[in-house]
Protein backbone atom coordinates (compact mmCIF):
# COMPACT_ATOMS: atom_id res chain seq x y z
CA MET A 1 59.10 10.91 269.72
CA ILE A 2 62.47 9.75 268.45
CA TYR A 3 63.01 10.52 264.77
CA ARG A 4 65.66 8.73 262.73
CA ALA A 5 66.00 11.38 260.02
CA ILE A 6 64.66 14.47 258.30
CA VAL A 7 64.39 14.14 254.53
CA ASN A 8 62.81 16.05 251.67
CA THR A 9 61.10 13.17 249.90
CA LEU A 10 59.03 10.15 250.85
CA ILE A 11 61.27 7.06 250.80
CA PRO A 12 59.86 3.54 250.54
CA PRO A 13 61.24 0.99 253.02
CA VAL A 14 64.11 -1.18 251.86
CA ASP A 15 63.01 -4.34 253.68
CA TYR A 16 59.70 -5.90 252.69
CA PRO A 17 57.09 -6.71 253.74
CA ALA A 18 56.64 -3.26 255.23
CA SER A 19 54.18 -0.43 254.99
CA LEU A 20 54.22 3.27 255.69
CA LEU A 21 51.92 5.07 258.09
CA ILE A 22 51.91 8.72 256.99
CA ASN A 23 50.44 11.57 259.04
CA ARG A 24 50.71 15.32 258.78
CA SER A 25 53.07 16.94 261.21
CA ASP A 26 54.18 20.53 261.73
CA TRP A 27 57.18 22.78 261.42
CA GLY A 28 57.65 22.79 265.20
CA GLN A 29 58.45 19.07 265.13
CA VAL A 30 61.11 19.67 262.49
CA LEU A 31 62.75 22.42 264.54
CA TRP A 32 62.60 20.24 267.67
CA ALA A 33 64.22 17.34 265.78
CA ILE A 34 67.04 19.58 264.50
CA LYS A 35 67.72 20.77 268.07
CA GLN A 36 67.84 17.11 269.19
CA GLY A 37 70.54 16.39 266.62
CA VAL A 38 68.41 14.23 264.32
CA PRO A 39 70.41 13.75 261.10
CA HIS A 40 68.99 15.43 258.03
CA TYR A 41 69.28 14.63 254.36
CA ILE A 42 67.92 17.89 252.97
CA ARG A 43 69.40 18.75 249.58
CA HIS A 44 67.18 21.74 248.81
CA SER A 45 69.20 24.81 249.81
CA GLY A 46 66.15 26.97 250.63
CA THR A 47 64.77 24.34 253.00
CA ALA A 48 68.18 23.75 254.60
CA LYS A 49 68.49 27.51 255.15
CA LEU A 50 65.16 27.53 257.02
CA LEU A 51 66.47 24.73 259.23
CA GLY A 52 69.71 26.61 259.88
CA VAL A 53 71.79 23.77 258.44
CA GLU A 54 73.86 23.16 255.33
CA PRO A 55 72.40 21.03 252.50
CA GLN A 56 73.48 17.38 252.68
CA ASP A 57 74.26 14.91 249.90
CA GLY A 58 73.83 11.68 251.89
CA PHE A 59 71.00 9.18 251.64
CA TYR A 60 68.73 7.86 254.36
CA THR A 61 67.64 4.23 254.18
CA PRO A 62 64.50 3.62 256.25
CA GLN A 63 64.16 0.36 258.13
CA VAL A 64 61.16 -1.28 259.76
CA GLY A 65 60.50 0.50 263.06
CA ASP A 66 61.90 3.87 261.95
CA VAL A 67 59.97 7.11 262.26
CA TYR A 68 61.17 10.00 260.12
CA LEU A 69 60.04 13.45 259.01
CA VAL A 70 59.53 14.56 255.43
CA VAL A 71 59.82 18.27 254.67
CA ARG A 72 58.87 19.11 251.09
CA LEU A 73 57.48 21.97 249.06
CA LYS A 74 53.72 22.01 248.74
CA PRO A 75 52.47 21.30 245.22
CA GLY A 76 52.37 24.37 243.00
CA ILE A 77 54.97 26.40 244.92
CA ALA A 78 57.67 26.02 242.26
CA PRO A 79 58.33 23.97 239.12
CA ARG A 80 60.31 20.79 239.72
CA GLY A 81 64.05 21.36 239.86
CA VAL A 82 63.82 25.12 240.47
CA GLU A 83 65.47 26.53 243.58
CA VAL A 84 63.18 28.88 245.53
CA GLU A 85 63.34 30.78 248.78
CA ALA A 86 60.78 28.88 250.84
CA SER A 87 59.00 29.81 254.03
CA PRO A 88 57.53 27.33 256.52
CA ASP A 89 54.10 28.12 255.01
CA ASP A 90 55.36 26.80 251.66
CA LEU A 91 56.26 23.41 253.15
CA GLU A 92 54.37 20.24 253.87
CA VAL A 93 55.62 18.26 256.88
CA LEU A 94 54.83 14.56 257.20
CA LYS A 95 55.62 12.07 259.94
CA VAL A 96 56.32 8.65 258.42
CA GLU A 97 56.39 5.42 260.40
CA VAL A 98 57.81 2.30 258.75
CA LEU A 99 55.74 -0.69 259.90
């Protein structure tokens, strides 16, 4: 699987008509993607630390045909906007295909 990006939020496609096919994935896919050099747009410092990368400020713009990973905190782990030390068990990983 070739991923275009790793992000920390679900991003709607820019070009329409398009739809998203969303499936659960796992932490192993995220680590594999990082080793393959897939660009990441993770702003959350705790998540970036788990990935072994620095937080990034850039933006990813999904296009039709892209497949990307979303790594985000599971609901209820922390209030919105609060920085936490996360573990892989605290994260939800999604594989998103832009159709």
